[in-house]
Amino acid sequence: MNRTIVWFRRDLRLADHAPVYRAALRGAVIPVFVFDRALLHHPETAPARVEFLLQALHGLDQELRDRGGRLIIRSGDPVHVLPDLIRETQADGIYAHIDFERIYGRVRDARLNRILAEQGLKIRWFEPVGTTADLIPYPDYRELWYAHMEAAPIPTPTKVDVPNELVSEPLPTLAELGHVRDGKLIPPATIHAARQLLQEFLDEKSDRYYWQLSYPSAEATTGLSPHIKFGVISIRECYQTAKAIEPIADWRVERSQKQLIARIRWGSGFAQRFRYMPQLEVRSLYSVFDEEGWEFDEELYQAWQEGQTGFPIVDAAARCLKATGGWKELNFRSRALYSSFLSNLLGMDWRYGALHFMRHLIDGDCPIDHYQWAMQAGVTHCVDKTWTRIYNPEQTAVDRCDPDGHFIKRWVPELEHLPPEFLGSPPPVKGYPNPILHYKKARQNRVKQLERQRKKFLSQDNVVPYLGRLPVDVTPFGSDRYSSEVSWAAQPNLELFPAALDLDNLDLEQAKAIRTWFVAHVEIIPRKPPRRRKPQPPKSDAMQLSLL
């Protein structure tokens, strides 16, 4: 009987999973997950996210057992573990989805490809839904993405035959993996829980989602982000479930449905950018923003981390992130305000902010998190200052995001006695710090800095020469602050799989294609929402420029 190893990574499900379906058609399946120390002890690893991963693996094991199989656990470097497993099981080879979330993963997979080829062993890579290996213009990618979403899902195997003689390591505990629980509440991590969250959203929130996204206390989000990050549920299933509610009689539901689908697509788009340019994990999009350096003040950085800036909406976001992991209550607007404050007003490298986020987010996804951080810092745009996202963290932010003060008062109880109109710039309160900066002055300084930097390539027809290149040293940012396993980065002649886009050897059409992914269309003007207490339908379909 044929035997195929299915290597699970960020695709912890059986539904809409091409490798496991194709393997089951061939014969026996060896479903394996490898605990990799380099990922478990990456400087951006969050204990809460590892805990969610463990629950997701338990759920995957149960799915397999329901079909007569089980999950096989291994620990170690996959580059060595997997070839040994092929020989141990006499498997024909490995099936796996391509993964390009991190530079380390691409280095690991390139090494695995080389070692398997040297040993005459086989691996077949499957392209994830919503991605492509080709460099295509962004409008073409949108069409491809929708085509992928509309296609029939891959059938779920009814039976998965796993060899009885195969021994598995026990599923480890968080402590055994070298992490300490930090108190965050971990949501259920099964396919059933994900589907329930999606259905609850469609039943209970779809008539208000579009209008309440900016209000963290409304908790209008789906709560699906951790499940999507680990592939507990496929984005195609999310898309088709949302689309299945057509025809829609309620225009509010229709608007929210489109917004949800757009956000799923944006997440795929960020991943595709990293497919082309893995350097976005460790560098700004345009090299000039890194060449001139950033300011850094450890004391101010810690105040920002701990929610002690003296700006209540910023401090509420900080405390919510550390307490909950942000997967539900810390919505896009809260994350945007919080991140813009560090990079644009405190003037610190956006990578310090991304590092902090990733060490706490349960739904932390490197392409989404890093690119959104870079966007908020203004280092992904080569256009004028109107596209610099510097949010006013004072009363303006309170009026637009937390008009009743529920979010602030929950997370900054020192201010719970104040009326909402005083939460933007509170009077002196015992136990609460004074503001650590002057907003208007800090904003002015940042705008001038960005204008000076952007002048070097503003209005250039070809922005490719100004794009940041993959550095020789790919050591993850933050490894000097936190104990990490980064020895892999010191190995000579590092290769990536999939390979990075060779920016120095693009032809004209390729240069035009990559430009469409990174140059904003300045004719689109962001709408300035009116000050209001209650969300109301917008008067136009103007584009929302928002943090996921």
Protein backbone atom coordinates (compact mmCIF):
# COMPACT_ATOMS: atom_id res chain seq x y z
CA MET A 1 0.00 0.00 0.00
CA ASN A 2 1.18 3.54 -0.80
CA ARG A 3 2.22 5.63 2.18
CA THR A 4 2.42 9.43 2.19
CA ILE A 5 3.61 11.74 4.93
CA VAL A 6 1.45 14.86 5.30
CA TRP A 7 3.44 17.56 7.07
CA PHE A 8 1.07 19.93 8.89
CA ARG A 9 2.31 23.46 9.61
CA ARG A 10 -0.14 26.40 9.54
CA ASP A 11 -2.96 24.32 8.08
CA LEU A 12 -4.28 22.41 11.10
CA ARG A 13 -7.49 21.00 9.62
CA LEU A 14 -8.80 18.26 7.33
CA ALA A 15 -11.42 20.30 5.46
CA ASP A 16 -10.30 22.01 2.24
CA HIS A 17 -6.79 20.59 2.63
CA ALA A 18 -5.28 19.40 -0.64
CA PRO A 19 -2.24 17.50 0.75
CA VAL A 20 -4.24 15.32 3.15
CA TYR A 21 -7.01 14.69 0.60
CA ARG A 22 -4.55 13.66 -2.13
CA ALA A 23 -2.58 11.51 0.29
CA ALA A 24 -5.75 9.72 1.47
CA LEU A 25 -6.65 8.94 -2.14
CA ARG A 26 -3.24 7.28 -2.61
CA GLY A 27 -3.45 5.01 0.42
CA ALA A 28 -2.10 5.20 3.97
CA VAL A 29 -1.45 8.63 5.48
CA ILE A 30 1.17 9.62 8.03
CA PRO A 31 -0.06 12.96 9.42
CA VAL A 32 2.82 14.59 11.26
CA PHE A 33 3.50 17.80 13.16
CA VAL A 34 7.08 18.65 14.12
CA PHE A 35 7.80 20.87 17.11
CA ASP A 36 10.63 23.03 15.81
CA ARG A 37 12.73 24.83 18.43
CA ALA A 38 13.67 27.62 16.03
CA LEU A 39 9.99 28.60 15.80
CA LEU A 40 9.12 27.83 19.40
CA HIS A 41 11.92 30.13 20.53
CA HIS A 42 11.82 32.78 17.85
CA PRO A 43 12.10 36.27 19.43
CA GLU A 44 8.54 36.99 18.28
CA THR A 45 6.97 33.85 19.74
CA ALA A 46 4.10 34.43 22.18
CA PRO A 47 3.35 31.83 24.89
CA ALA A 48 -0.38 32.37 24.38
CA ARG A 49 -0.06 31.65 20.67
CA VAL A 50 1.85 28.44 21.40
CA GLU A 51 -0.92 27.48 23.82
CA PHE A 52 -3.51 28.05 21.10
CA LEU A 53 -1.37 25.93 18.76
CA LEU A 54 -1.39 23.07 21.27
CA GLN A 55 -5.19 23.21 21.47
CA ALA A 56 -5.42 23.29 17.67
CA LEU A 57 -3.21 20.19 17.44
CA HIS A 58 -5.42 18.42 19.97
CA GLY A 59 -8.43 19.32 17.80
CA LEU A 60 -6.69 18.06 14.65
CA ASP A 61 -5.82 14.79 16.38
CA GLN A 62 -9.49 14.34 17.32
CA GLU A 63 -10.57 15.03 13.72
CA LEU A 64 -8.18 12.34 12.55
CA ARG A 65 -9.35 9.87 15.21
CA ASP A 66 -12.95 10.42 14.11
CA ARG A 67 -11.81 9.08 10.72
CA GLY A 68 -9.78 6.18 11.99
CA GLY A 69 -6.42 7.96 12.15
CA ARG A 70 -4.34 9.97 14.60
CA LEU A 71 -1.76 12.72 14.61
CA ILE A 72 1.92 11.75 14.81
CA ILE A 73 4.05 14.10 16.90
CA ARG A 74 7.78 14.60 16.46
CA SER A 75 10.26 17.09 17.91
CA GLY A 76 13.48 18.45 16.44
CA ASP A 77 14.77 20.02 13.26
CA PRO A 78 12.36 19.06 10.43
CA VAL A 79 15.32 18.95 8.05
CA HIS A 80 16.51 15.83 9.89
CA VAL A 81 13.25 14.53 11.40
CA LEU A 82 11.36 14.19 8.11
CA PRO A 83 13.96 12.26 6.06
CA ASP A 84 14.31 9.89 9.01
CA LEU A 85 10.52 9.51 9.15
CA ILE A 86 10.38 8.63 5.44
CA ARG A 87 12.87 5.84 6.00
CA GLU A 88 11.24 4.68 9.24
CA THR A 89 7.79 4.37 7.67
CA GLN A 90 8.94 3.44 4.15
CA ALA A 91 6.77 6.28 2.87
CA ASP A 92 6.84 7.33 -0.78
CA GLY A 93 7.44 10.94 0.17
CA ILE A 94 5.99 14.06 1.77
CA TYR A 95 3.01 16.27 0.90
CA ALA A 96 2.89 19.77 2.37
CA HIS A 97 1.59 23.26 1.76
CA ILE A 98 4.15 25.90 0.85
CA ASP A 99 4.75 28.25 3.78
CA PHE A 100 6.27 31.70 3.39
CA GLU A 101 5.28 33.43 6.62
CA ARG A 102 8.85 33.75 7.92
CA ILE A 103 12.38 33.86 6.58
CA TYR A 104 13.32 31.02 8.90
CA GLY A 105 10.62 28.77 7.43
CA ARG A 106 11.88 29.46 3.92
CA VAL A 107 15.47 28.71 4.95
CA ARG A 108 14.31 25.48 6.62
CA ASP A 109 12.31 24.35 3.57
CA ALA A 110 15.17 25.14 1.18
CA ARG A 111 17.50 23.01 3.34
CA LEU A 112 14.92 20.22 3.40
CA ASN A 113 14.57 20.29 -0.38
CA ARG A 114 18.34 19.99 -0.78
CA ILE A 115 18.77 17.15 1.72
CA LEU A 116 15.84 15.17 0.31
CA ALA A 117 17.24 15.53 -3.22
CA GLU A 118 20.68 14.41 -2.06
CA GLN A 119 19.14 11.32 -0.46
CA GLY A 120 16.84 10.50 -3.36
CA LEU A 121 13.69 11.21 -1.33
CA LYS A 122 10.58 13.05 -2.58
CA ILE A 123 8.45 15.98 -1.49
CA ARG A 124 5.50 17.56 -3.25
CA TRP A 125 4.61 21.14 -2.40
CA PHE A 126 1.03 22.43 -2.69
CA GLU A 127 0.22 26.08 -3.29
CA PRO A 128 -2.09 27.45 -0.55
CA VAL A 129 -5.45 28.86 -1.58
CA GLY A 130 -5.27 32.55 -2.43
CA THR A 131 -1.57 32.57 -3.37
CA THR A 132 0.46 32.28 -6.54
CA ALA A 133 4.09 31.59 -7.38
CA ASP A 134 3.96 34.07 -10.28
CA LEU A 135 4.71 37.78 -10.12
CA ILE A 136 1.48 39.35 -11.36
CA PRO A 137 0.00 42.85 -11.03
CA TYR A 138 -2.19 43.39 -8.01
CA PRO A 139 -5.43 43.79 -10.05
CA ASP A 140 -4.75 40.37 -11.62
CA TYR A 141 -4.12 38.96 -8.17
CA ARG A 142 -7.52 40.19 -6.99
CA GLU A 143 -9.15 38.27 -9.83
CA LEU A 144 -7.11 35.16 -9.02
CA TRP A 145 -8.03 35.41 -5.35
CA TYR A 146 -11.75 35.60 -6.06
CA ALA A 147 -11.44 32.68 -8.50
CA HIS A 148 -9.79 30.61 -5.76
CA MET A 149 -12.50 31.56 -3.28
CA GLU A 150 -15.32 30.66 -5.68
CA ALA A 151 -13.82 27.26 -6.57
CA ALA A 152 -15.20 24.15 -4.91
CA PRO A 153 -13.44 23.31 -1.61
CA ILE A 154 -11.21 20.27 -1.48
CA PRO A 155 -13.32 17.36 -0.11
CA THR A 156 -12.70 16.20 3.44
CA PRO A 157 -11.51 12.57 3.61
CA THR A 158 -14.08 10.27 5.21
CA LYS A 159 -11.33 7.88 6.31
CA VAL A 160 -7.66 8.42 7.08
CA ASP A 161 -5.63 5.21 7.39
CA VAL A 162 -2.61 5.66 9.62
CA PRO A 163 -0.23 2.70 10.10
CA ASN A 164 -0.91 1.07 13.47
CA GLU A 165 2.73 0.33 14.20
CA LEU A 166 3.77 3.97 14.02
CA VAL A 167 4.69 5.41 17.42
CA SER A 168 3.96 9.05 18.26
CA GLU A 169 5.48 11.28 20.90
CA PRO A 170 2.91 12.59 23.40
CA LEU A 171 1.55 16.07 22.79
CA PRO A 172 3.77 18.25 25.01
CA THR A 173 2.63 20.79 27.56
CA LEU A 174 3.39 24.48 27.31
CA ALA A 175 5.98 24.14 30.07
CA GLU A 176 7.67 21.22 28.30
CA LEU A 177 8.07 23.48 25.27
CA GLY A 178 9.89 26.02 27.43
CA HIS A 179 7.11 28.58 27.86
CA VAL A 180 5.30 29.98 30.87
CA ARG A 181 1.59 30.72 30.69
CA ASP A 182 0.95 34.47 30.91
CA GLY A 183 -2.69 34.38 31.96
CA LYS A 184 -4.42 35.11 28.66
CA LEU A 185 -7.73 33.36 28.04
CA ILE A 186 -7.26 31.00 25.10
CA PRO A 187 -10.27 30.53 22.81
CA PRO A 188 -11.31 27.01 21.75
CA ALA A 189 -9.15 25.97 18.79
CA THR A 190 -11.23 23.42 16.89
CA ILE A 191 -12.88 23.49 13.48
CA HIS A 192 -16.24 23.26 15.26
CA ALA A 193 -15.43 26.31 17.41
CA ALA A 194 -14.32 28.26 14.34
CA ARG A 195 -17.50 27.43 12.47
CA GLN A 196 -19.58 28.40 15.49
CA LEU A 197 -17.79 31.77 15.73
CA LEU A 198 -18.45 32.42 12.07
CA GLN A 199 -22.11 31.50 12.35
CA GLU A 200 -22.56 33.61 15.49
CA PHE A 201 -21.03 36.53 13.66
CA LEU A 202 -23.41 36.12 10.72
CA ASP A 203 -26.40 35.72 13.04
CA GLU A 204 -25.63 38.41 15.61
CA LYS A 205 -23.13 40.94 14.28
CA SER A 206 -23.48 41.15 10.52
CA ASP A 207 -25.97 44.04 10.68
CA ARG A 208 -23.50 46.22 12.62
CA TYR A 209 -20.01 44.96 11.72
CA TYR A 210 -19.24 47.59 9.08
CA TRP A 211 -20.19 50.51 11.32
CA GLN A 212 -18.82 49.34 14.62
CA LEU A 213 -15.35 48.18 13.55
CA SER A 214 -13.85 51.34 14.98
CA TYR A 215 -15.46 50.76 18.39
CA PRO A 216 -13.43 48.25 20.48
CA SER A 217 -16.09 47.99 23.19
CA ALA A 218 -18.63 46.84 20.57
CA GLU A 219 -16.64 43.60 20.02
CA ALA A 220 -17.97 43.51 16.47
CA THR A 221 -15.18 41.34 15.06
CA THR A 222 -15.57 37.68 14.16
CA GLY A 223 -12.96 36.40 16.62
CA LEU A 224 -11.71 34.09 13.86
CA SER A 225 -8.23 35.54 13.45
CA PRO A 226 -6.34 32.93 15.57
CA HIS A 227 -8.12 30.11 13.73
CA ILE A 228 -7.26 31.60 10.35
CA LYS A 229 -3.65 32.18 11.38
CA PHE A 230 -3.15 28.47 12.15
CA GLY A 231 -5.42 27.24 9.37
CA VAL A 232 -7.94 25.66 11.74
CA ILE A 233 -10.50 26.86 9.21
CA SER A 234 -9.76 27.71 5.58
CA ILE A 235 -10.30 31.21 4.28
CA ARG A 236 -12.25 29.71 1.39
CA GLU A 237 -14.76 28.21 3.83
CA CYS A 238 -15.07 31.58 5.56
CA TYR A 239 -15.63 33.30 2.23
CA GLN A 240 -18.21 30.82 0.96
CA THR A 241 -20.08 30.73 4.27
CA ALA A 242 -20.35 34.52 4.24
CA LYS A 243 -21.43 34.53 0.60
CA ALA A 244 -24.04 31.84 1.22
CA ILE A 245 -26.33 34.29 2.99
CA GLU A 246 -27.25 35.89 -0.38
CA PRO A 247 -29.70 37.11 -1.47
CA ILE A 248 -29.55 39.74 1.20
CA ALA A 249 -32.61 41.78 2.03
CA ASP A 250 -30.88 43.89 4.67
CA TRP A 251 -28.44 46.33 3.05
CA ARG A 252 -26.57 46.63 6.36
CA VAL A 253 -25.77 42.92 6.27
CA GLU A 254 -24.66 43.18 2.67
CA ARG A 255 -22.28 46.04 3.50
CA SER A 256 -20.81 44.09 6.41
CA GLN A 257 -20.48 40.96 4.32
CA LYS A 258 -18.43 42.83 1.72
CA GLN A 259 -16.26 44.34 4.43
CA LEU A 260 -15.55 40.93 5.98
CA ILE A 261 -14.60 39.46 2.60
CA ALA A 262 -12.38 42.45 1.86
CA ARG A 263 -10.49 41.95 5.10
CA ILE A 264 -9.94 38.26 4.40
CA ARG A 265 -8.59 39.23 0.98
CA TRP A 266 -6.32 41.90 2.45
CA GLY A 267 -4.79 39.28 4.76
CA SER A 268 -4.00 37.09 1.75
CA GLY A 269 -2.57 40.13 -0.04
CA PHE A 270 -0.14 40.85 2.80
CA ALA A 271 1.04 37.24 2.68
CA GLN A 272 1.55 37.50 -1.09
CA ARG A 273 3.71 40.60 -0.60
CA PHE A 274 5.89 38.56 1.74
CA ARG A 275 5.97 35.81 -0.90
CA TYR A 276 7.66 38.29 -3.22
CA MET A 277 9.73 40.15 -0.63
CA PRO A 278 10.57 38.17 2.53
CA GLN A 279 12.79 41.07 3.63
CA LEU A 280 9.62 42.84 4.78
CA GLU A 281 9.91 40.75 7.95
CA VAL A 282 13.10 42.55 8.99
CA ARG A 283 13.24 45.79 6.94
CA SER A 284 11.14 48.72 5.80
CA LEU A 285 9.79 48.56 2.27
CA TYR A 286 11.91 51.51 1.14
CA SER A 287 15.55 51.47 2.25
CA VAL A 288 15.74 55.21 3.01
CA PHE A 289 13.56 54.78 6.09
CA ASP A 290 16.09 52.42 7.65
CA GLU A 291 19.23 54.16 6.43
CA GLU A 292 18.53 57.33 8.38
CA GLY A 293 17.84 55.46 11.58
CA TRP A 294 15.27 55.86 14.31
CA GLU A 295 15.24 57.28 17.80
CA PHE A 296 14.93 54.92 20.75
CA ASP A 297 14.29 55.57 24.42
CA GLU A 298 13.98 52.50 26.63
CA GLU A 299 11.99 54.30 29.33
CA LEU A 300 9.45 55.66 26.84
CA TYR A 301 9.26 52.27 25.11
CA GLN A 302 8.40 50.60 28.41
CA ALA A 303 5.79 53.26 29.16
CA TRP A 304 4.20 52.51 25.79
CA GLN A 305 4.32 48.74 26.43
CA GLU A 306 2.80 48.98 29.90
CA GLY A 307 0.05 51.51 29.12
CA GLN A 308 1.57 54.43 31.01
CA THR A 309 1.76 57.08 28.27
CA GLY A 310 -0.81 59.48 29.73
CA PHE A 311 -3.03 59.09 26.66
CA PRO A 312 -6.01 56.97 27.81
CA ILE A 313 -7.00 55.40 24.47
CA VAL A 314 -3.37 54.36 23.86
CA ASP A 315 -2.97 53.00 27.38
CA ALA A 316 -6.22 51.05 27.14
CA ALA A 317 -5.00 49.37 23.96
CA ALA A 318 -1.66 48.56 25.60
CA ARG A 319 -3.24 46.92 28.63
CA CYS A 320 -5.85 45.08 26.55
CA LEU A 321 -3.09 43.57 24.38
CA LYS A 322 -1.08 42.29 27.35
CA ALA A 323 -4.12 40.94 29.18
CA THR A 324 -6.05 39.30 26.34
CA GLY A 325 -3.76 38.78 23.36
CA GLY A 326 -5.94 41.13 21.36
CA TRP A 327 -7.73 38.49 19.28
CA LYS A 328 -11.22 39.79 19.99
CA GLU A 329 -11.43 43.18 21.67
CA LEU A 330 -8.31 44.88 20.29
CA ASN A 331 -9.76 45.71 16.89
CA PHE A 332 -8.12 47.32 13.87
CA ARG A 333 -8.62 50.91 15.00
CA SER A 334 -7.24 50.30 18.48
CA ARG A 335 -4.19 48.59 17.00
CA ALA A 336 -3.72 51.44 14.54
CA LEU A 337 -3.83 54.14 17.22
CA TYR A 338 -1.51 52.19 19.46
CA SER A 339 1.04 51.43 16.75
CA SER A 340 1.05 54.88 15.15
CA PHE A 341 1.77 56.39 18.57
CA LEU A 342 5.06 54.50 18.92
CA SER A 343 6.47 55.05 15.44
CA ASN A 344 5.06 58.42 14.48
CA LEU A 345 4.84 60.29 17.77
CA LEU A 346 7.60 58.66 19.81
CA GLY A 347 9.71 58.25 16.65
CA MET A 348 10.76 54.66 17.36
CA ASP A 349 11.51 51.92 14.84
CA TRP A 350 8.26 50.15 13.90
CA ARG A 351 10.03 46.81 14.36
CA TYR A 352 10.11 47.35 18.14
CA GLY A 353 6.35 47.70 18.01
CA ALA A 354 5.84 44.64 15.80
CA LEU A 355 8.08 42.67 18.16
CA HIS A 356 5.96 43.60 21.17
CA PHE A 357 2.72 42.84 19.37
CA MET A 358 3.90 39.43 18.19
CA ARG A 359 5.02 38.47 21.69
CA HIS A 360 1.45 38.94 22.92
CA LEU A 361 -0.98 38.48 20.02
CA ILE A 362 -2.83 35.17 19.98
CA ASP A 363 -3.65 35.87 16.33
CA GLY A 364 -0.16 37.16 15.50
CA ASP A 365 0.59 36.57 11.81
CA CYS A 366 3.94 37.93 10.65
CA PRO A 367 2.97 39.26 7.17
CA ILE A 368 -0.19 40.95 8.47
CA ASP A 369 1.35 42.26 11.67
CA HIS A 370 4.62 43.51 10.19
CA TYR A 371 3.16 45.07 7.07
CA GLN A 372 0.40 46.80 9.01
CA TRP A 373 2.97 48.14 11.45
CA ALA A 374 5.05 49.44 8.57
CA MET A 375 1.95 51.03 7.00
CA GLN A 376 1.08 52.82 10.22
CA ALA A 377 4.67 54.07 10.48
CA GLY A 378 4.45 55.57 7.00
CA VAL A 379 7.33 53.54 5.55
CA THR A 380 5.32 51.72 2.86
CA HIS A 381 4.29 54.84 0.96
CA CYS A 382 6.28 56.88 -1.53
CA VAL A 383 3.61 59.57 -1.92
CA ASP A 384 2.82 62.81 -0.15
CA LYS A 385 2.17 63.46 3.53
CA THR A 386 -1.58 63.02 3.23
CA TRP A 387 -0.91 59.30 3.33
CA THR A 388 0.90 59.46 6.64
CA ARG A 389 -1.30 57.80 9.24
CA ILE A 390 -0.68 59.83 12.35
CA TYR A 391 -3.69 59.52 14.61
CA ASN A 392 -4.61 62.14 17.15
CA PRO A 393 -4.61 60.18 20.44
CA GLU A 394 -6.51 62.84 22.38
CA GLN A 395 -10.24 63.63 22.42
CA THR A 396 -10.51 63.13 18.65
CA ALA A 397 -9.65 59.43 19.08
CA VAL A 398 -12.05 59.04 22.00
CA ASP A 399 -14.94 60.63 20.07
CA ARG A 400 -14.37 58.43 17.02
CA CYS A 401 -13.49 55.13 18.66
CA ASP A 402 -14.79 55.09 22.21
CA PRO A 403 -17.41 57.87 22.50
CA ASP A 404 -18.95 56.47 25.68
CA GLY A 405 -15.60 55.63 27.24
CA HIS A 406 -16.40 51.95 27.86
CA PHE A 407 -13.11 50.60 26.45
CA ILE A 408 -10.95 53.16 28.25
CA LYS A 409 -12.71 52.78 31.60
CA ARG A 410 -12.44 48.99 31.45
CA TRP A 411 -8.69 49.00 30.92
CA VAL A 412 -7.74 52.26 32.65
CA PRO A 413 -9.86 52.10 35.81
CA GLU A 414 -7.97 55.09 37.25
CA LEU A 415 -10.20 57.20 34.98
CA GLU A 416 -13.55 55.47 35.46
CA HIS A 417 -14.98 58.48 37.36
CA LEU A 418 -14.40 60.87 34.45
CA PRO A 419 -17.08 61.67 31.84
CA PRO A 420 -16.22 60.73 28.22
CA GLU A 421 -15.50 64.31 27.19
CA PHE A 422 -12.53 64.37 29.60
CA LEU A 423 -10.97 61.06 28.56
CA GLY A 424 -8.95 62.51 25.70
CA SER A 425 -6.91 64.84 27.89
CA PRO A 426 -7.77 63.94 31.47
CA PRO A 427 -7.07 66.35 34.32
CA PRO A 428 -4.43 65.30 36.85
CA VAL A 429 -5.52 62.01 38.39
CA LYS A 430 -3.75 60.25 41.25
CA GLY A 431 -2.05 57.11 40.00
CA TYR A 432 -2.21 58.05 36.31
CA PRO A 433 0.78 59.60 34.48
CA ASN A 434 0.92 62.91 32.69
CA PRO A 435 1.27 62.73 28.87
CA ILE A 436 4.77 61.66 27.82
CA LEU A 437 4.73 63.87 24.69
CA HIS A 438 3.11 66.90 23.08
CA TYR A 439 0.96 65.59 20.24
CA LYS A 440 1.02 68.55 17.84
CA LYS A 441 4.76 69.03 18.17
CA ALA A 442 5.52 65.32 17.77
CA ARG A 443 3.24 65.08 14.73
CA GLN A 444 4.85 68.07 13.08
CA ASN A 445 8.33 66.61 13.58
CA ARG A 446 7.30 63.26 12.08
CA VAL A 447 5.63 64.81 9.04
CA LYS A 448 8.74 66.87 8.31
CA GLN A 449 10.95 63.80 8.67
CA LEU A 450 8.80 61.71 6.30
CA GLU A 451 8.61 64.53 3.76
CA ARG A 452 12.39 64.81 3.78
CA GLN A 453 12.85 61.06 3.36
CA ARG A 454 10.20 60.69 0.65
CA LYS A 455 11.70 63.48 -1.44
CA LYS A 456 14.44 61.06 -2.43
CA PHE A 457 12.02 59.01 -4.53
CA LEU A 458 8.72 60.92 -4.60
CA SER A 459 7.03 60.83 -8.03
CA GLN A 460 9.63 58.44 -9.47
CA ASP A 461 8.32 56.31 -12.30
CA ASN A 462 10.40 53.39 -11.13
CA VAL A 463 10.46 52.77 -7.39
CA VAL A 464 12.22 49.39 -7.64
CA PRO A 465 15.75 50.81 -7.06
CA TYR A 466 14.52 52.28 -3.78
CA LEU A 467 13.00 49.08 -2.40
CA GLY A 468 14.84 47.48 0.50
CA ARG A 469 16.87 44.37 -0.38
CA LEU A 470 17.13 41.16 1.56
CA PRO A 471 20.02 41.70 4.00
CA VAL A 472 22.95 39.32 4.19
CA ASP A 473 22.27 38.90 7.90
CA VAL A 474 18.69 37.61 8.32
CA THR A 475 18.84 37.24 12.10
CA PRO A 476 15.33 38.03 13.40
CA PHE A 477 14.81 41.45 14.93
CA GLY A 478 14.65 41.30 18.70
CA SER A 479 16.99 38.37 19.22
CA ASP A 480 19.28 40.72 21.17
CA ARG A 481 16.45 41.50 23.63
CA TYR A 482 15.02 38.03 24.18
CA SER A 483 16.51 34.57 24.51
CA SER A 484 16.06 32.98 21.09
CA GLU A 485 17.13 30.10 18.88
CA VAL A 486 18.66 31.87 15.87
CA SER A 487 21.73 29.75 15.12
CA TRP A 488 20.18 28.87 11.75
CA ALA A 489 20.77 32.45 10.58
CA ALA A 490 24.54 32.06 10.95
CA GLN A 491 24.78 29.19 8.47
CA PRO A 492 26.65 30.04 5.25
CA ASN A 493 25.03 30.31 1.82
CA LEU A 494 21.45 30.58 2.99
CA GLU A 495 18.82 29.82 0.37
CA LEU A 496 15.07 30.41 0.51
CA PHE A 497 12.16 28.31 -0.64
CA PRO A 498 10.23 29.77 -2.22
CA ALA A 499 12.97 32.05 -3.46
CA ALA A 500 12.74 35.79 -2.93
CA LEU A 501 12.04 38.07 -5.87
CA ASP A 502 15.31 39.18 -7.47
CA LEU A 503 14.73 42.94 -7.49
CA ASP A 504 18.00 43.67 -9.29
CA ASN A 505 17.11 41.61 -12.35
CA LEU A 506 13.48 42.47 -13.08
CA ASP A 507 12.46 43.24 -16.63
CA LEU A 508 10.17 46.18 -17.39
CA GLU A 509 6.92 44.25 -17.09
CA GLN A 510 7.99 42.70 -13.80
CA ALA A 511 8.99 46.11 -12.46
CA LYS A 512 5.56 47.46 -13.40
CA ALA A 513 3.89 44.47 -11.73
CA ILE A 514 5.70 44.81 -8.41
CA ARG A 515 4.96 48.55 -8.35
CA THR A 516 1.21 47.85 -8.31
CA TRP A 517 1.61 46.08 -4.98
CA PHE A 518 3.21 48.97 -3.15
CA VAL A 519 2.28 52.34 -4.66
CA ALA A 520 -0.85 53.97 -3.32
CA HIS A 521 -3.34 55.65 -5.60
CA VAL A 522 -3.38 59.19 -4.27
CA GLU A 523 -6.65 60.13 -5.96
CA ILE A 524 -8.49 58.07 -3.30
CA ILE A 525 -9.14 60.43 -0.42
CA PRO A 526 -9.78 58.92 3.03
CA ARG A 527 -13.14 59.94 4.43
CA LYS A 528 -13.12 61.95 7.66
CA PRO A 529 -15.98 60.55 9.73
CA PRO A 530 -18.09 63.09 11.62
CA ARG A 531 -17.95 63.30 15.39
CA ARG A 532 -20.85 61.28 16.72
CA ARG A 533 -21.92 59.21 19.67
CA LYS A 534 -23.76 56.49 17.81
CA PRO A 535 -22.63 54.72 14.59
CA GLN A 536 -24.66 55.69 11.54
CA PRO A 537 -24.59 54.49 7.92
CA PRO A 538 -21.95 56.32 5.87
CA LYS A 539 -23.03 58.66 3.11
CA SER A 540 -20.54 57.26 0.60
CA ASP A 541 -18.65 54.12 -0.31
CA ALA A 542 -15.27 55.77 0.27
CA MET A 543 -12.45 53.36 0.93
CA GLN A 544 -11.70 52.55 4.56
CA LEU A 545 -7.99 52.67 5.23
CA SER A 546 -7.78 50.63 8.36
CA LEU A 547 -5.63 48.28 10.36
CA LEU A 548 -6.80 44.69 10.30
